[in-house]
Amino acid sequence: FDLLEKFDTINFQVIFTTGFDQYA
């Protein structure tokens, strides 16, 4: 998420990968 906040515009598709974090 910190990485995404570096971009003014996100012009690519994102597929998140994660361990179990229900909040996220």
PDB file of all heavy atoms in Angstrom:
ATOM      1  N   PHE A   1       0.831  -1.205   0.000  1.00  0.00           N
ATOM      2  CA  PHE A   1       0.000   0.000   0.000  1.00  0.00           C
ATOM      3  C   PHE A   1       0.872   1.264   0.000  1.00  0.00           C
ATOM      4  O   PHE A   1       0.531   2.264  -0.633  1.00  0.00           O
ATOM      5  CB  PHE A   1      -0.938   0.003   1.211  1.00  0.00           C
ATOM      6  CG  PHE A   1      -1.802  -1.224   1.295  1.00  0.00           C
ATOM      7  CD1 PHE A   1      -1.840  -1.982   2.454  1.00  0.00           C
ATOM      8  CD2 PHE A   1      -2.577  -1.633   0.219  1.00  0.00           C
ATOM      9  CE1 PHE A   1      -2.625  -3.119   2.541  1.00  0.00           C
ATOM     10  CE2 PHE A   1      -3.373  -2.765   0.292  1.00  0.00           C
ATOM     11  CZ  PHE A   1      -3.402  -3.513   1.450  1.00  0.00           C
ATOM     12  N   ASP A   2       1.991   1.196   0.712  1.00  0.00           N
ATOM     13  CA  ASP A   2       2.932   2.327   0.704  1.00  0.00           C
ATOM     14  C   ASP A   2       3.458   2.571  -0.710  1.00  0.00           C
ATOM     15  O   ASP A   2       3.646   3.719  -1.126  1.00  0.00           O
ATOM     16  CB  ASP A   2       4.111   2.056   1.641  1.00  0.00           C
ATOM     17  CG  ASP A   2       3.701   1.968   3.101  1.00  0.00           C
ATOM     18  OD1 ASP A   2       2.758   2.679   3.488  1.00  0.00           O
ATOM     19  OD2 ASP A   2       4.301   1.169   3.846  1.00  0.00           O
ATOM     20  N   LEU A   3       3.677   1.494  -1.438  1.00  0.00           N
ATOM     21  CA  LEU A   3       4.144   1.617  -2.817  1.00  0.00           C
ATOM     22  C   LEU A   3       3.102   2.330  -3.672  1.00  0.00           C
ATOM     23  O   LEU A   3       3.424   3.248  -4.432  1.00  0.00           O
ATOM     24  CB  LEU A   3       4.451   0.233  -3.398  1.00  0.00           C
ATOM     25  CG  LEU A   3       4.807   0.184  -4.886  1.00  0.00           C
ATOM     26  CD1 LEU A   3       6.071   0.972  -5.166  1.00  0.00           C
ATOM     27  CD2 LEU A   3       4.960  -1.259  -5.358  1.00  0.00           C
ATOM     28  N   LEU A   4       1.847   1.937  -3.544  1.00  0.00           N
ATOM     29  CA  LEU A   4       0.790   2.548  -4.356  1.00  0.00           C
ATOM     30  C   LEU A   4       0.658   4.042  -4.084  1.00  0.00           C
ATOM     31  O   LEU A   4       0.343   4.826  -4.986  1.00  0.00           O
ATOM     32  CB  LEU A   4      -0.547   1.844  -4.100  1.00  0.00           C
ATOM     33  CG  LEU A   4      -0.644   0.391  -4.560  1.00  0.00           C
ATOM     34  CD1 LEU A   4      -2.002  -0.175  -4.209  1.00  0.00           C
ATOM     35  CD2 LEU A   4      -0.379   0.263  -6.057  1.00  0.00           C
ATOM     36  N   GLU A   5       0.906   4.435  -2.835  1.00  0.00           N
ATOM     37  CA  GLU A   5       0.767   5.854  -2.485  1.00  0.00           C
ATOM     38  C   GLU A   5       1.854   6.715  -3.127  1.00  0.00           C
ATOM     39  O   GLU A   5       1.727   7.935  -3.163  1.00  0.00           O
ATOM     40  CB  GLU A   5       0.789   6.018  -0.967  1.00  0.00           C
ATOM     41  CG  GLU A   5      -0.490   5.503  -0.308  1.00  0.00           C
ATOM     42  CD  GLU A   5      -0.641   5.987   1.119  1.00  0.00           C
ATOM     43  OE1 GLU A   5       0.192   5.576   1.948  1.00  0.00           O
ATOM     44  OE2 GLU A   5      -1.584   6.760   1.380  1.00  0.00           O
ATOM     45  N   LYS A   6       2.888   6.099  -3.668  1.00  0.00           N
ATOM     46  CA  LYS A   6       3.942   6.850  -4.353  1.00  0.00           C
ATOM     47  C   LYS A   6       3.486   7.342  -5.727  1.00  0.00           C
ATOM     48  O   LYS A   6       4.083   8.264  -6.294  1.00  0.00           O
ATOM     49  CB  LYS A   6       5.195   5.977  -4.530  1.00  0.00           C
ATOM     50  CG  LYS A   6       5.958   5.680  -3.243  1.00  0.00           C
ATOM     51  CD  LYS A   6       7.129   4.737  -3.515  1.00  0.00           C
ATOM     52  CE  LYS A   6       7.991   4.541  -2.285  1.00  0.00           C
ATOM     53  NZ  LYS A   6       8.823   5.732  -2.000  1.00  0.00           N
ATOM     54  N   PHE A   7       2.432   6.728  -6.270  1.00  0.00           N
ATOM     55  CA  PHE A   7       1.986   7.057  -7.623  1.00  0.00           C
ATOM     56  C   PHE A   7       0.855   8.089  -7.585  1.00  0.00           C
ATOM     57  O   PHE A   7      -0.111   7.940  -6.848  1.00  0.00           O
ATOM     58  CB  PHE A   7       1.488   5.805  -8.347  1.00  0.00           C
ATOM     59  CG  PHE A   7       2.571   4.809  -8.654  1.00  0.00           C
ATOM     60  CD1 PHE A   7       2.880   3.810  -7.743  1.00  0.00           C
ATOM     61  CD2 PHE A   7       3.283   4.889  -9.835  1.00  0.00           C
ATOM     62  CE1 PHE A   7       3.878   2.884  -8.012  1.00  0.00           C
ATOM     63  CE2 PHE A   7       4.288   3.965 -10.114  1.00  0.00           C
ATOM     64  CZ  PHE A   7       4.589   2.970  -9.203  1.00  0.00           C
ATOM     65  N   ASP A   8       0.988   9.135  -8.407  1.00  0.00           N
ATOM     66  CA  ASP A   8      -0.107  10.095  -8.564  1.00  0.00           C
ATOM     67  C   ASP A   8      -1.252   9.453  -9.341  1.00  0.00           C
ATOM     68  O   ASP A   8      -2.423   9.676  -9.048  1.00  0.00           O
ATOM     69  CB  ASP A   8       0.373  11.346  -9.307  1.00  0.00           C
ATOM     70  CG  ASP A   8       1.395  12.130  -8.491  1.00  0.00           C
ATOM     71  OD1 ASP A   8       1.264  12.159  -7.256  1.00  0.00           O
ATOM     72  OD2 ASP A   8       2.323  12.695  -9.097  1.00  0.00           O
ATOM     73  N   THR A   9      -0.890   8.671 -10.344  1.00  0.00           N
ATOM     74  CA  THR A   9      -1.878   7.948 -11.150  1.00  0.00           C
ATOM     75  C   THR A   9      -1.446   6.499 -11.269  1.00  0.00           C
ATOM     76  O   THR A   9      -0.288   6.214 -11.586  1.00  0.00           O
ATOM     77  CB  THR A   9      -1.988   8.554 -12.563  1.00  0.00           C
ATOM     78  OG1 THR A   9      -2.338   9.932 -12.446  1.00  0.00           O
ATOM     79  CG2 THR A   9      -3.053   7.828 -13.373  1.00  0.00           C
ATOM     80  N   ILE A  10      -2.371   5.593 -11.019  1.00  0.00           N
ATOM     81  CA  ILE A  10      -2.085   4.160 -11.153  1.00  0.00           C
ATOM     82  C   ILE A  10      -2.721   3.687 -12.457  1.00  0.00           C
ATOM     83  O   ILE A  10      -3.948   3.576 -12.565  1.00  0.00           O
ATOM     84  CB  ILE A  10      -2.635   3.374  -9.945  1.00  0.00           C
ATOM     85  CG1 ILE A  10      -1.926   3.833  -8.663  1.00  0.00           C
ATOM     86  CG2 ILE A  10      -2.453   1.868 -10.152  1.00  0.00           C
ATOM     87  CD1 ILE A  10      -2.496   3.261  -7.392  1.00  0.00           C
ATOM     88  N   ASN A  11      -1.881   3.432 -13.454  1.00  0.00           N
ATOM     89  CA  ASN A  11      -2.399   3.062 -14.772  1.00  0.00           C
ATOM     90  C   ASN A  11      -2.062   1.618 -15.122  1.00  0.00           C
ATOM     91  O   ASN A  11      -1.851   1.276 -16.282  1.00  0.00           O
ATOM     92  CB  ASN A  11      -1.872   4.010 -15.852  1.00  0.00           C
ATOM     93  CG  ASN A  11      -0.359   4.130 -15.824  1.00  0.00           C
ATOM     94  OD1 ASN A  11       0.315   3.340 -15.146  1.00  0.00           O
ATOM     95  ND2 ASN A  11       0.178   5.092 -16.544  1.00  0.00           N
ATOM     96  N   PHE A  12      -1.988   0.778 -14.088  1.00  0.00           N
ATOM     97  CA  PHE A  12      -1.761  -0.651 -14.279  1.00  0.00           C
ATOM     98  C   PHE A  12      -2.720  -1.413 -13.368  1.00  0.00           C
ATOM     99  O   PHE A  12      -3.213  -0.873 -12.379  1.00  0.00           O
ATOM    100  CB  PHE A  12      -0.304  -1.029 -13.955  1.00  0.00           C
ATOM    101  CG  PHE A  12       0.206  -0.456 -12.655  1.00  0.00           C
ATOM    102  CD1 PHE A  12       0.003  -1.121 -11.446  1.00  0.00           C
ATOM    103  CD2 PHE A  12       0.873   0.768 -12.635  1.00  0.00           C
ATOM    104  CE1 PHE A  12       0.471  -0.590 -10.249  1.00  0.00           C
ATOM    105  CE2 PHE A  12       1.334   1.312 -11.439  1.00  0.00           C
ATOM    106  CZ  PHE A  12       1.132   0.634 -10.246  1.00  0.00           C
ATOM    107  N   GLN A  13      -2.980  -2.665 -13.724  1.00  0.00           N
ATOM    108  CA  GLN A  13      -3.820  -3.519 -12.893  1.00  0.00           C
ATOM    109  C   GLN A  13      -3.006  -4.046 -11.720  1.00  0.00           C
ATOM    110  O   GLN A  13      -1.829  -4.359 -11.884  1.00  0.00           O
ATOM    111  CB  GLN A  13      -4.370  -4.694 -13.709  1.00  0.00           C
ATOM    112  CG  GLN A  13      -5.216  -4.283 -14.915  1.00  0.00           C
ATOM    113  CD  GLN A  13      -6.485  -3.574 -14.516  1.00  0.00           C
ATOM    114  OE1 GLN A  13      -7.163  -3.979 -13.576  1.00  0.00           O
ATOM    115  NE2 GLN A  13      -6.818  -2.516 -15.235  1.00  0.00           N
ATOM    116  N   VAL A  14      -3.625  -4.150 -10.565  1.00  0.00           N
ATOM    117  CA  VAL A  14      -2.941  -4.677  -9.380  1.00  0.00           C
ATOM    118  C   VAL A  14      -3.658  -5.929  -8.897  1.00  0.00           C
ATOM    119  O   VAL A  14      -4.889  -5.941  -8.753  1.00  0.00           O
ATOM    120  CB  VAL A  14      -2.898  -3.647  -8.237  1.00  0.00           C
ATOM    121  CG1 VAL A  14      -2.274  -4.265  -6.984  1.00  0.00           C
ATOM    122  CG2 VAL A  14      -2.123  -2.410  -8.656  1.00  0.00           C
ATOM    123  N   ILE A  15      -2.886  -6.991  -8.690  1.00  0.00           N
ATOM    124  CA  ILE A  15      -3.396  -8.201  -8.035  1.00  0.00           C
ATOM    125  C   ILE A  15      -2.591  -8.353  -6.752  1.00  0.00           C
ATOM    126  O   ILE A  15      -1.386  -8.624  -6.797  1.00  0.00           O
ATOM    127  CB  ILE A  15      -3.238  -9.442  -8.928  1.00  0.00           C
ATOM    128  CG1 ILE A  15      -3.993  -9.264 -10.257  1.00  0.00           C
ATOM    129  CG2 ILE A  15      -3.755 -10.694  -8.194  1.00  0.00           C
ATOM    130  CD1 ILE A  15      -3.750 -10.384 -11.256  1.00  0.00           C
ATOM    131  N   PHE A  16      -3.232  -8.131  -5.620  1.00  0.00           N
ATOM    132  CA  PHE A  16      -2.544  -8.228  -4.337  1.00  0.00           C
ATOM    133  C   PHE A  16      -2.289  -9.691  -3.978  1.00  0.00           C
ATOM    134  O   PHE A  16      -3.098 -10.566  -4.288  1.00  0.00           O
ATOM    135  CB  PHE A  16      -3.377  -7.580  -3.231  1.00  0.00           C
ATOM    136  CG  PHE A  16      -3.522  -6.097  -3.373  1.00  0.00           C
ATOM    137  CD1 PHE A  16      -4.663  -5.546  -3.927  1.00  0.00           C
ATOM    138  CD2 PHE A  16      -2.509  -5.245  -2.967  1.00  0.00           C
ATOM    139  CE1 PHE A  16      -4.805  -4.174  -4.065  1.00  0.00           C
ATOM    140  CE2 PHE A  16      -2.629  -3.870  -3.096  1.00  0.00           C
ATOM    141  CZ  PHE A  16      -3.785  -3.333  -3.656  1.00  0.00           C
ATOM    142  N   THR A  17      -1.173  -9.943  -3.328  1.00  0.00           N
ATOM    143  CA  THR A  17      -0.906 -11.272  -2.769  1.00  0.00           C
ATOM    144  C   THR A  17      -0.667 -11.087  -1.277  1.00  0.00           C
ATOM    145  O   THR A  17       0.042 -10.168  -0.868  1.00  0.00           O
ATOM    146  CB  THR A  17       0.333 -11.925  -3.421  1.00  0.00           C
ATOM    147  OG1 THR A  17       1.471 -11.087  -3.236  1.00  0.00           O
ATOM    148  CG2 THR A  17       0.102 -12.150  -4.909  1.00  0.00           C
ATOM    149  N   THR A  18      -1.278 -11.941  -0.474  1.00  0.00           N
ATOM    150  CA  THR A  18      -1.194 -11.719   0.963  1.00  0.00           C
ATOM    151  C   THR A  18      -1.392 -12.993   1.762  1.00  0.00           C
ATOM    152  O   THR A  18      -2.055 -13.927   1.308  1.00  0.00           O
ATOM    153  CB  THR A  18      -2.273 -10.693   1.407  1.00  0.00           C
ATOM    154  OG1 THR A  18      -2.198 -10.502   2.818  1.00  0.00           O
ATOM    155  CG2 THR A  18      -3.669 -11.159   1.048  1.00  0.00           C
ATOM    156  N   GLY A  19      -0.810 -13.037   2.945  1.00  0.00           N
ATOM    157  CA  GLY A  19      -1.170 -14.028   3.927  1.00  0.00           C
ATOM    158  C   GLY A  19      -2.484 -13.583   4.535  1.00  0.00           C
ATOM    159  O   GLY A  19      -3.036 -12.549   4.160  1.00  0.00           O
ATOM    160  N   PHE A  20      -3.006 -14.309   5.502  1.00  0.00           N
ATOM    161  CA  PHE A  20      -4.333 -13.984   6.032  1.00  0.00           C
ATOM    162  C   PHE A  20      -4.287 -12.744   6.907  1.00  0.00           C
ATOM    163  O   PHE A  20      -3.723 -12.732   7.987  1.00  0.00           O
ATOM    164  CB  PHE A  20      -4.898 -15.154   6.834  1.00  0.00           C
ATOM    165  CG  PHE A  20      -6.328 -14.954   7.238  1.00  0.00           C
ATOM    166  CD1 PHE A  20      -7.340 -15.153   6.322  1.00  0.00           C
ATOM    167  CD2 PHE A  20      -6.657 -14.541   8.507  1.00  0.00           C
ATOM    168  CE1 PHE A  20      -8.663 -14.959   6.678  1.00  0.00           C
ATOM    169  CE2 PHE A  20      -7.976 -14.339   8.880  1.00  0.00           C
ATOM    170  CZ  PHE A  20      -8.983 -14.552   7.957  1.00  0.00           C
ATOM    171  N   ASP A  21      -4.855 -11.675   6.419  1.00  0.00           N
ATOM    172  CA  ASP A  21      -5.011 -10.433   7.170  1.00  0.00           C
ATOM    173  C   ASP A  21      -6.416  -9.936   6.881  1.00  0.00           C
ATOM    174  O   ASP A  21      -6.656  -9.257   5.879  1.00  0.00           O
ATOM    175  CB  ASP A  21      -3.958  -9.401   6.736  1.00  0.00           C
ATOM    176  CG  ASP A  21      -4.069  -8.089   7.500  1.00  0.00           C
ATOM    177  OD1 ASP A  21      -5.116  -7.855   8.125  1.00  0.00           O
ATOM    178  OD2 ASP A  21      -3.119  -7.302   7.469  1.00  0.00           O
ATOM    179  N   GLN A  22      -7.364 -10.290   7.737  1.00  0.00           N
ATOM    180  CA  GLN A  22      -8.766 -10.017   7.461  1.00  0.00           C
ATOM    181  C   GLN A  22      -9.034  -8.532   7.268  1.00  0.00           C
ATOM    182  O   GLN A  22      -9.853  -8.132   6.449  1.00  0.00           O
ATOM    183  CB  GLN A  22      -9.660 -10.565   8.583  1.00  0.00           C
ATOM    184  CG  GLN A  22     -11.153 -10.508   8.268  1.00  0.00           C
ATOM    185  CD  GLN A  22     -11.507 -11.262   6.995  1.00  0.00           C
ATOM    186  OE1 GLN A  22     -11.164 -12.419   6.818  1.00  0.00           O
ATOM    187  NE2 GLN A  22     -12.185 -10.592   6.078  1.00  0.00           N
ATOM    188  N   TYR A  23      -8.326  -7.709   8.027  1.00  0.00           N
ATOM    189  CA  TYR A  23      -8.531  -6.261   7.913  1.00  0.00           C
ATOM    190  C   TYR A  23      -8.189  -5.771   6.510  1.00  0.00           C
ATOM    191  O   TYR A  23      -8.960  -5.051   5.879  1.00  0.00           O
ATOM    192  CB  TYR A  23      -7.679  -5.545   8.958  1.00  0.00           C
ATOM    193  CG  TYR A  23      -7.862  -4.050   8.984  1.00  0.00           C
ATOM    194  CD1 TYR A  23      -9.059  -3.485   9.420  1.00  0.00           C
ATOM    195  CD2 TYR A  23      -6.834  -3.203   8.587  1.00  0.00           C
ATOM    196  CE1 TYR A  23      -9.228  -2.110   9.445  1.00  0.00           C
ATOM    197  CE2 TYR A  23      -6.993  -1.823   8.614  1.00  0.00           C
ATOM    198  CZ  TYR A  23      -8.191  -1.288   9.052  1.00  0.00           C
ATOM    199  OH  TYR A  23      -8.353   0.081   9.075  1.00  0.00           O
ATOM    200  N   ALA A  24      -7.019  -6.181   6.008  1.00  0.00           N
ATOM    201  CA  ALA A  24      -6.600  -5.766   4.673  1.00  0.00           C
ATOM    202  C   ALA A  24      -7.498  -6.376   3.604  1.00  0.00           C
ATOM    203  O   ALA A  24      -7.884  -5.710   2.640  1.00  0.00           O
ATOM    204  CB  ALA A  24      -5.145  -6.164   4.430  1.00  0.00           C
TER     205      ALA A  24
END
